[in-house]
Amino acid sequence: MTVWTSIVSWFGVAPAEPKRGRQYASAGAGTTAKPVTFDSAMTVSAVFACIRLLAETVSSLPLNMYKLDAEGNRTLETNHDLIKLLKHRPNRRQTRIEFFEQLMLNLVSSGNAYVLRGMMGKRLVSLQVLNSGSIEPELMLNGDIIYHWQKLDGTRQKLTESEVWHIRLFGNGLMGLSPLANAKKSIGVAIAGDDKITHLMSNGAKPTGTLLAANWPNKEQRDDLRSEMNGLLNGDQTELAVLGGGMKFEAMSLTPEDLELLATRRFSLEEICRAFGVPSVLVNDLSASTVWGSGIDSIISGFYKFVLRTYLEKLELSIIVNLLPRIEWDTYEIEFDADAILRATLKDRIESVSKQVLSGFMTPNEARKSEGRQAKPNGDQLLVPSNMTTIDKILNVVPTRSKDEVNHD
């Protein structure tokens, strides 16, 4: 089933969504300049940088759990089994950062992340990310999803929805669309360009060509000429060639300038960054001279609003509905703390915090805590300027005039 068939099926024109996810996962397949696999795609610096940026940024954010009261007020929750598991060591081999790096690597590259839930009775005791390439979901007639897992030893096992935590990017409801699969053509062009440059540089950047002679050499003469010229056209040999008999060397291969390799690589970089939603400047693209400086704050802000925030909210909600019992969905919230990404300069933070303290929005100790400083005595009270009050109080203190004073006037 093609991507178009899947898209059309959402509108009720084509048959229902696919029952197996394998065809949908490879929807981006097609003719490419070079074969594209996960391993070959990761050799392209733009692909590696985009996936690494998304994975490491999300995994490095602090993760907090909050408990909600009847009025919706939040208090930090530190004793729940779920936050203890997620915040430190989700499994025996990985820390929280390593776990979310692997989860994001699968999610960003294939559009799907599968996590095996380890249970001890009704208690969740471990979370293990499974390689998304080893999982094939199947939609059953009753609406349940079965996950076909091919293990490293070659055996296959069926996993139920209760055993697998499945996070997906936008897609058909069964699986998420794979950014790598749908960017195969651009990645294939990038691989082909890199291969061409590698071949040229390994050959000393020497062009191939032919020898033009006035007379037709015999086979023995042609073999001697090939043997003598071969070292000069291939490898690093730099001896001076001596051609006689009016012979002339004519280059036949295209030069990097003819192929516009630099423009091709630039185009591939933009296409790959577009597929992952990453501003190219964040993966060290310095081709635009005005991207740094004061504009970088706006770029980071836009990157958070339109890319990172979608990943974070998807993960936060997925953790709640998949790793907590239904009765606790409205009791707890999971939140990645993105302040580290959007953190302003020290000068801007001081100005902002000062205004919030003076306006009674936060206490001095809350302001100190936001900067990693120790609390001070008597710093837990909200402050307001003493020269500010309500208009009602002002009207009440204005002296009223008696009727005799009015008549006298």
Protein backbone atom coordinates (compact mmCIF):
# COMPACT_ATOMS: atom_id res chain seq x y z
CA MET A 1 0.00 0.00 0.00
CA THR A 2 1.46 3.35 -1.00
CA VAL A 3 1.42 6.57 0.98
CA TRP A 4 -1.20 7.99 -1.41
CA THR A 5 -3.44 4.99 -0.88
CA SER A 6 -3.10 5.43 2.88
CA ILE A 7 -3.88 9.15 2.66
CA VAL A 8 -6.87 8.55 0.43
CA SER A 9 -8.16 5.90 2.82
CA TRP A 10 -8.47 8.52 5.55
CA PHE A 11 -11.19 10.17 3.49
CA GLY A 12 -13.11 6.95 2.94
CA VAL A 13 -12.35 6.58 -0.78
CA ALA A 14 -9.87 3.70 -0.69
CA PRO A 15 -9.89 0.54 1.46
CA ALA A 16 -9.33 0.84 5.19
CA GLU A 17 -5.93 1.51 6.75
CA PRO A 18 -3.26 -1.16 6.33
CA LYS A 19 -3.38 -4.15 8.63
CA ARG A 20 0.39 -4.57 8.56
CA GLY A 21 2.80 -1.70 8.98
CA ARG A 22 5.72 -2.88 6.85
CA GLN A 23 4.52 -1.42 3.54
CA TYR A 24 3.65 1.87 5.19
CA ALA A 25 7.07 2.08 6.85
CA SER A 26 8.80 1.78 3.47
CA ALA A 27 6.45 4.20 1.74
CA GLY A 28 9.29 6.49 0.78
CA ALA A 29 10.92 3.81 -1.35
CA GLY A 30 11.61 4.61 -4.99
CA THR A 31 14.39 5.35 -7.44
CA THR A 32 17.25 7.11 -5.71
CA ALA A 33 20.71 8.25 -6.82
CA LYS A 34 22.22 5.77 -4.33
CA PRO A 35 20.67 3.01 -2.22
CA VAL A 36 19.57 4.48 1.11
CA THR A 37 19.52 2.50 4.34
CA PHE A 38 19.67 3.69 7.93
CA ASP A 39 23.42 3.03 8.08
CA SER A 40 24.17 4.74 4.77
CA ALA A 41 21.91 7.70 5.64
CA MET A 42 23.76 8.23 8.90
CA THR A 43 27.02 8.67 6.97
CA VAL A 44 25.56 11.91 5.57
CA SER A 45 26.65 14.62 7.99
CA ALA A 46 23.36 16.56 7.71
CA VAL A 47 21.27 13.49 8.60
CA PHE A 48 23.54 12.56 11.49
CA ALA A 49 23.57 16.13 12.82
CA CYS A 50 19.78 16.59 12.62
CA ILE A 51 18.98 13.30 14.35
CA ARG A 52 21.67 13.86 16.95
CA LEU A 53 20.44 17.40 17.69
CA LEU A 54 16.85 16.28 18.23
CA ALA A 55 17.78 13.19 20.24
CA GLU A 56 20.33 14.84 22.51
CA THR A 57 18.28 18.00 23.07
CA VAL A 58 15.14 16.15 24.17
CA SER A 59 17.03 13.60 26.27
CA SER A 60 18.96 16.28 28.15
CA LEU A 61 15.85 18.15 29.33
CA PRO A 62 14.87 17.64 32.99
CA LEU A 63 11.72 15.54 33.41
CA ASN A 64 9.25 16.35 36.19
CA MET A 65 6.00 14.86 37.44
CA TYR A 66 3.29 16.99 39.06
CA LYS A 67 0.25 16.07 41.12
CA LEU A 68 -2.94 18.06 40.57
CA ASP A 69 -5.42 18.96 43.28
CA ALA A 70 -9.15 19.60 42.81
CA GLU A 71 -8.49 23.24 41.80
CA GLY A 72 -5.83 22.27 39.25
CA ASN A 73 -2.89 23.49 41.35
CA ARG A 74 0.31 21.54 40.82
CA THR A 75 2.80 20.20 43.34
CA LEU A 76 6.02 18.44 42.43
CA GLU A 77 5.71 14.65 42.73
CA THR A 78 8.91 12.76 43.56
CA ASN A 79 7.70 9.54 45.20
CA HIS A 80 5.64 8.00 42.41
CA ASP A 81 7.11 4.78 40.97
CA LEU A 82 6.85 6.08 37.40
CA ILE A 83 8.93 9.23 37.92
CA LYS A 84 11.49 7.27 39.93
CA LEU A 85 11.84 4.91 36.97
CA LEU A 86 11.94 7.58 34.25
CA LYS A 87 14.09 10.11 36.05
CA HIS A 88 17.07 7.90 36.86
CA ARG A 89 17.44 4.42 35.34
CA PRO A 90 14.59 3.08 33.15
CA ASN A 91 16.45 -0.23 32.75
CA ARG A 92 19.54 -1.87 34.12
CA ARG A 93 21.80 -0.73 31.27
CA GLN A 94 20.74 2.87 30.60
CA THR A 95 20.40 6.14 32.40
CA ARG A 96 17.44 8.41 31.67
CA ILE A 97 19.46 10.40 29.12
CA GLU A 98 20.69 7.30 27.29
CA PHE A 99 17.18 5.84 27.28
CA PHE A 100 15.56 8.93 25.74
CA GLU A 101 18.43 9.28 23.25
CA GLN A 102 17.72 5.79 21.93
CA LEU A 103 13.97 6.41 21.98
CA MET A 104 14.34 9.67 20.02
CA LEU A 105 16.82 8.08 17.58
CA ASN A 106 14.17 5.53 16.61
CA LEU A 107 11.32 8.04 16.62
CA VAL A 108 13.10 10.68 14.53
CA SER A 109 14.54 8.26 11.98
CA SER A 110 11.68 5.77 11.48
CA GLY A 111 8.72 7.78 12.76
CA ASN A 112 8.03 5.11 15.42
CA ALA A 113 9.51 4.18 18.78
CA TYR A 114 8.66 0.92 20.54
CA VAL A 115 9.37 0.39 24.24
CA LEU A 116 9.01 -2.98 25.95
CA ARG A 117 7.34 -2.66 29.34
CA GLY A 118 8.78 -4.88 32.06
CA MET A 119 6.12 -5.70 34.66
CA MET A 120 6.33 -7.30 38.08
CA GLY A 121 2.71 -8.11 38.74
CA LYS A 122 0.91 -4.81 38.16
CA ARG A 123 4.01 -2.73 38.87
CA LEU A 124 6.09 -1.23 36.03
CA VAL A 125 9.75 -1.99 36.81
CA SER A 126 11.63 -1.41 33.52
CA LEU A 127 11.40 0.17 30.08
CA GLN A 128 13.51 -1.12 27.17
CA VAL A 129 13.61 0.55 23.75
CA LEU A 130 13.29 -1.95 20.89
CA ASN A 131 14.84 -1.38 17.48
CA SER A 132 12.01 -0.02 15.34
CA GLY A 133 13.30 -2.01 12.36
CA SER A 134 12.62 -5.25 14.23
CA ILE A 135 8.95 -4.46 14.95
CA GLU A 136 6.00 -4.84 12.60
CA PRO A 137 2.59 -3.81 13.98
CA GLU A 138 -0.56 -5.55 12.81
CA LEU A 139 -4.09 -4.18 13.21
CA MET A 140 -6.51 -6.94 14.11
CA LEU A 141 -10.19 -7.07 13.11
CA ASN A 142 -11.31 -6.30 16.68
CA GLY A 143 -9.19 -3.11 16.73
CA ASP A 144 -6.34 -4.52 18.82
CA ILE A 145 -2.73 -4.14 17.65
CA ILE A 146 -0.27 -7.02 17.69
CA TYR A 147 3.45 -6.22 17.46
CA HIS A 148 5.56 -8.82 15.63
CA TRP A 149 9.05 -8.62 17.15
CA GLN A 150 12.02 -10.26 15.44
CA LYS A 151 14.71 -10.86 18.04
CA LEU A 152 18.47 -10.84 17.50
CA ASP A 153 18.55 -14.65 17.48
CA GLY A 154 16.14 -14.69 14.53
CA THR A 155 13.10 -15.89 16.48
CA ARG A 156 9.82 -13.97 16.33
CA GLN A 157 7.52 -13.10 19.21
CA LYS A 158 4.07 -11.52 19.31
CA LEU A 159 3.65 -8.66 21.75
CA THR A 160 0.36 -7.14 22.83
CA GLU A 161 -0.52 -3.47 23.33
CA SER A 162 -0.21 -3.95 27.08
CA GLU A 163 3.42 -5.02 26.61
CA VAL A 164 4.53 -2.29 24.17
CA TRP A 165 4.61 1.48 24.62
CA HIS A 166 4.31 2.79 21.05
CA ILE A 167 5.12 6.44 20.23
CA ARG A 168 4.49 7.51 16.64
CA LEU A 169 4.85 10.63 14.52
CA PHE A 170 1.95 11.77 12.35
CA GLY A 171 0.79 9.00 10.05
CA ASN A 172 -2.16 6.70 9.45
CA GLY A 173 -2.92 5.85 13.06
CA LEU A 174 -1.19 2.48 12.95
CA MET A 175 2.31 3.76 12.22
CA GLY A 176 4.05 7.08 11.92
CA LEU A 177 5.62 8.28 8.69
CA SER A 178 9.37 7.70 8.48
CA PRO A 179 11.38 10.92 7.84
CA LEU A 180 14.26 8.85 6.46
CA ALA A 181 12.02 6.87 4.10
CA ASN A 182 10.30 9.97 2.79
CA ALA A 183 13.56 11.89 2.36
CA LYS A 184 15.30 9.04 0.52
CA LYS A 185 15.76 10.92 -2.74
CA SER A 186 17.47 13.89 -1.12
CA ILE A 187 19.62 11.61 1.02
CA GLY A 188 20.52 9.51 -2.03
CA VAL A 189 21.68 12.63 -3.89
CA ALA A 190 23.78 13.63 -0.88
CA ILE A 191 25.37 10.16 -0.73
CA ALA A 192 26.09 10.22 -4.47
CA GLY A 193 27.71 13.64 -4.17
CA ASP A 194 29.87 12.53 -1.26
CA ASP A 195 30.90 9.38 -3.14
CA LYS A 196 31.90 11.43 -6.18
CA ILE A 197 34.02 13.77 -4.10
CA THR A 198 35.60 10.83 -2.27
CA HIS A 199 36.48 9.17 -5.58
CA LEU A 200 37.99 12.36 -6.97
CA MET A 201 40.07 13.02 -3.88
CA SER A 202 41.27 9.42 -3.61
CA ASN A 203 42.44 9.79 -7.21
CA GLY A 204 44.33 12.97 -6.45
CA ALA A 205 41.50 14.92 -8.10
CA LYS A 206 42.80 13.78 -11.49
CA PRO A 207 40.36 13.56 -14.38
CA THR A 208 40.03 10.53 -16.64
CA GLY A 209 40.38 10.99 -20.37
CA THR A 210 41.85 9.70 -23.60
CA LEU A 211 45.03 10.12 -25.68
CA LEU A 212 44.55 11.56 -29.15
CA ALA A 213 47.18 10.39 -31.67
CA ALA A 214 47.82 11.31 -35.31
CA ASN A 215 48.29 7.67 -36.27
CA TRP A 216 46.48 4.54 -35.04
CA PRO A 217 48.76 2.75 -32.50
CA ASN A 218 48.83 -1.00 -32.52
CA LYS A 219 47.66 -3.08 -29.55
CA GLU A 220 51.15 -3.38 -28.02
CA GLN A 221 51.68 0.37 -28.25
CA ARG A 222 48.27 1.08 -26.74
CA ASP A 223 48.98 -1.28 -23.83
CA ASP A 224 52.32 0.45 -23.17
CA LEU A 225 50.65 3.86 -23.23
CA ARG A 226 47.93 2.75 -20.84
CA SER A 227 50.52 1.31 -18.46
CA GLU A 228 52.55 4.53 -18.49
CA MET A 229 49.59 6.88 -18.17
CA ASN A 230 47.65 4.83 -15.65
CA GLY A 231 49.84 5.90 -12.73
CA LEU A 232 49.43 9.53 -13.67
CA LEU A 233 45.66 9.34 -13.96
CA ASN A 234 45.06 7.22 -10.84
CA GLY A 235 46.49 7.60 -7.37
CA ASP A 236 49.03 10.10 -6.11
CA GLN A 237 51.80 9.60 -8.70
CA THR A 238 53.04 13.01 -9.87
CA GLU A 239 55.82 12.17 -12.38
CA LEU A 240 55.89 14.26 -15.54
CA ALA A 241 54.33 12.51 -18.51
CA VAL A 242 56.13 12.67 -21.87
CA LEU A 243 53.89 12.19 -24.90
CA GLY A 244 55.37 11.80 -28.36
CA GLY A 245 54.08 11.41 -31.89
CA GLY A 246 51.80 14.42 -31.64
CA MET A 247 49.74 12.83 -28.91
CA LYS A 248 47.40 14.99 -26.83
CA PHE A 249 45.53 14.22 -23.62
CA GLU A 250 41.82 15.06 -23.67
CA ALA A 251 39.94 15.01 -20.36
CA MET A 252 36.57 13.25 -20.51
CA SER A 253 35.25 13.21 -16.91
CA LEU A 254 33.25 16.10 -15.53
CA THR A 255 34.99 18.34 -13.01
CA PRO A 256 33.46 19.17 -9.62
CA GLU A 257 32.64 22.59 -11.05
CA ASP A 258 30.86 20.98 -14.02
CA LEU A 259 28.87 18.79 -11.66
CA GLU A 260 28.14 21.74 -9.35
CA LEU A 261 28.91 19.50 -6.40
CA LEU A 262 29.06 22.39 -3.95
CA ALA A 263 25.61 23.58 -5.01
CA THR A 264 24.31 20.01 -4.89
CA ARG A 265 25.61 19.49 -1.38
CA ARG A 266 24.11 22.80 -0.29
CA PHE A 267 20.75 21.83 -1.78
CA SER A 268 20.89 18.40 -0.12
CA LEU A 269 21.63 20.02 3.24
CA GLU A 270 18.59 22.28 2.98
CA GLU A 271 16.32 19.41 1.87
CA ILE A 272 17.46 17.12 4.68
CA CYS A 273 17.10 19.83 7.33
CA ARG A 274 13.63 20.61 5.96
CA ALA A 275 12.61 16.95 6.32
CA PHE A 276 13.63 16.91 9.98
CA GLY A 277 12.36 20.42 10.73
CA VAL A 278 15.78 21.62 11.87
CA PRO A 279 17.07 25.11 10.96
CA SER A 280 20.28 24.49 9.02
CA VAL A 281 22.21 26.98 11.16
CA LEU A 282 21.74 24.68 14.16
CA VAL A 283 23.75 21.96 12.40
CA ASN A 284 26.63 24.34 11.68
CA ASP A 285 25.55 25.61 8.28
CA LEU A 286 27.39 28.93 8.03
CA SER A 287 26.63 29.67 4.38
CA ALA A 288 24.29 32.51 5.38
CA SER A 289 26.32 35.29 6.99
CA THR A 290 23.47 36.81 9.00
CA VAL A 291 22.16 33.76 10.80
CA TRP A 292 24.23 34.23 13.96
CA GLY A 293 24.25 37.14 16.35
CA SER A 294 21.00 38.54 17.66
CA GLY A 295 19.00 36.41 15.21
CA ILE A 296 20.01 33.12 16.83
CA ASP A 297 17.60 33.69 19.74
CA SER A 298 14.68 33.97 17.33
CA ILE A 299 15.85 30.85 15.47
CA ILE A 300 16.06 28.81 18.68
CA SER A 301 12.65 30.13 19.79
CA GLY A 302 11.09 29.13 16.48
CA PHE A 303 12.83 25.74 16.58
CA TYR A 304 11.34 25.11 20.03
CA LYS A 305 7.82 26.30 19.15
CA PHE A 306 7.41 24.45 15.86
CA VAL A 307 9.61 21.36 16.27
CA LEU A 308 10.75 20.50 19.79
CA ARG A 309 7.45 21.36 21.47
CA THR A 310 5.59 18.87 19.28
CA TYR A 311 7.98 16.09 20.31
CA LEU A 312 7.81 17.04 23.99
CA GLU A 313 4.03 17.25 24.17
CA LYS A 314 3.70 13.99 22.24
CA LEU A 315 5.99 12.25 24.74
CA GLU A 316 4.38 13.86 27.80
CA LEU A 317 0.86 12.81 26.86
CA SER A 318 2.00 9.38 25.69
CA ILE A 319 3.69 8.73 29.06
CA ILE A 320 0.48 9.61 30.91
CA VAL A 321 -1.94 7.51 28.85
CA ASN A 322 0.37 4.53 28.30
CA LEU A 323 2.33 4.20 31.53
CA LEU A 324 -0.28 5.23 34.12
CA PRO A 325 -3.60 3.52 34.91
CA ARG A 326 -6.70 5.29 33.61
CA ILE A 327 -7.74 6.36 37.10
CA GLU A 328 -4.57 8.50 37.43
CA TRP A 329 -4.71 10.32 34.08
CA ASP A 330 -6.40 13.38 35.58
CA THR A 331 -4.30 13.31 38.74
CA TYR A 332 -0.79 13.68 37.33
CA GLU A 333 1.07 15.65 34.68
CA ILE A 334 4.42 14.88 33.07
CA GLU A 335 6.49 17.80 31.83
CA PHE A 336 9.89 18.27 30.22
CA ASP A 337 11.49 21.46 31.54
CA ALA A 338 12.43 23.43 28.42
CA ASP A 339 13.67 26.49 30.33
CA ALA A 340 17.24 25.42 29.67
CA ILE A 341 16.67 25.86 25.92
CA LEU A 342 14.81 29.16 26.16
CA ARG A 343 16.91 30.55 29.03
CA ALA A 344 17.69 34.22 28.46
CA THR A 345 20.95 36.05 29.22
CA LEU A 346 21.78 36.92 32.83
CA LYS A 347 20.90 40.57 32.26
CA ASP A 348 17.51 39.74 30.75
CA ARG A 349 16.76 37.19 33.49
CA ILE A 350 17.53 39.68 36.26
CA GLU A 351 15.29 42.30 34.68
CA SER A 352 12.46 39.80 34.22
CA VAL A 353 12.74 38.35 37.73
CA SER A 354 12.91 41.82 39.30
CA LYS A 355 9.67 42.84 37.63
CA GLN A 356 7.97 39.63 38.72
CA VAL A 357 9.06 40.08 42.35
CA LEU A 358 8.06 43.75 42.47
CA SER A 359 4.67 43.01 40.95
CA GLY A 360 3.89 40.24 43.43
CA PHE A 361 4.06 37.51 40.78
CA MET A 362 6.74 35.52 42.63
CA THR A 363 8.44 35.61 46.00
CA PRO A 364 12.12 36.57 46.42
CA ASN A 365 12.96 32.98 47.34
CA GLU A 366 11.24 31.68 44.20
CA ALA A 367 13.35 34.12 42.21
CA ARG A 368 16.53 32.96 43.96
CA LYS A 369 15.63 29.32 43.38
CA SER A 370 15.17 29.97 39.64
CA GLU A 371 18.81 31.10 39.57
CA GLY A 372 20.06 28.18 41.66
CA ARG A 373 20.61 30.25 44.81
CA GLN A 374 19.80 29.41 48.43
CA ALA A 375 16.60 30.70 50.03
CA LYS A 376 16.76 33.54 52.53
CA PRO A 377 14.76 34.08 55.76
CA ASN A 378 11.53 36.04 55.27
CA GLY A 379 11.82 35.54 51.52
CA ASP A 380 8.62 33.55 51.06
CA GLN A 381 6.23 36.51 51.18
CA LEU A 382 4.84 38.17 48.06
CA LEU A 383 5.84 41.83 47.79
CA VAL A 384 3.96 44.79 46.31
CA PRO A 385 5.02 48.45 45.97
CA SER A 386 3.90 50.46 49.00
CA ASN A 387 2.79 53.40 46.85
CA MET A 388 0.22 51.29 45.01
CA THR A 389 -3.32 50.62 46.20
CA THR A 390 -6.84 50.19 44.83
CA ILE A 391 -8.98 53.10 43.64
CA ASP A 392 -11.65 52.21 46.20
CA LYS A 393 -9.25 52.89 49.06
CA ILE A 394 -8.29 56.26 47.58
CA LEU A 395 -11.95 57.35 47.35
CA ASN A 396 -12.57 56.29 50.94
CA VAL A 397 -9.80 58.46 52.41
CA VAL A 398 -10.81 61.67 50.54
CA PRO A 399 -12.54 63.95 53.17
CA THR A 400 -16.21 64.65 52.47
CA ARG A 401 -17.61 68.22 52.66
CA SER A 402 -20.61 69.07 54.85
CA LYS A 403 -23.77 70.74 53.58
CA ASP A 404 -22.95 73.94 55.54
CA GLU A 405 -19.58 74.18 53.79
CA VAL A 406 -21.23 73.76 50.43
CA ASN A 407 -23.92 76.42 51.19
CA HIS A 408 -21.26 78.80 52.46
CA ASP A 409 -19.46 78.59 49.15
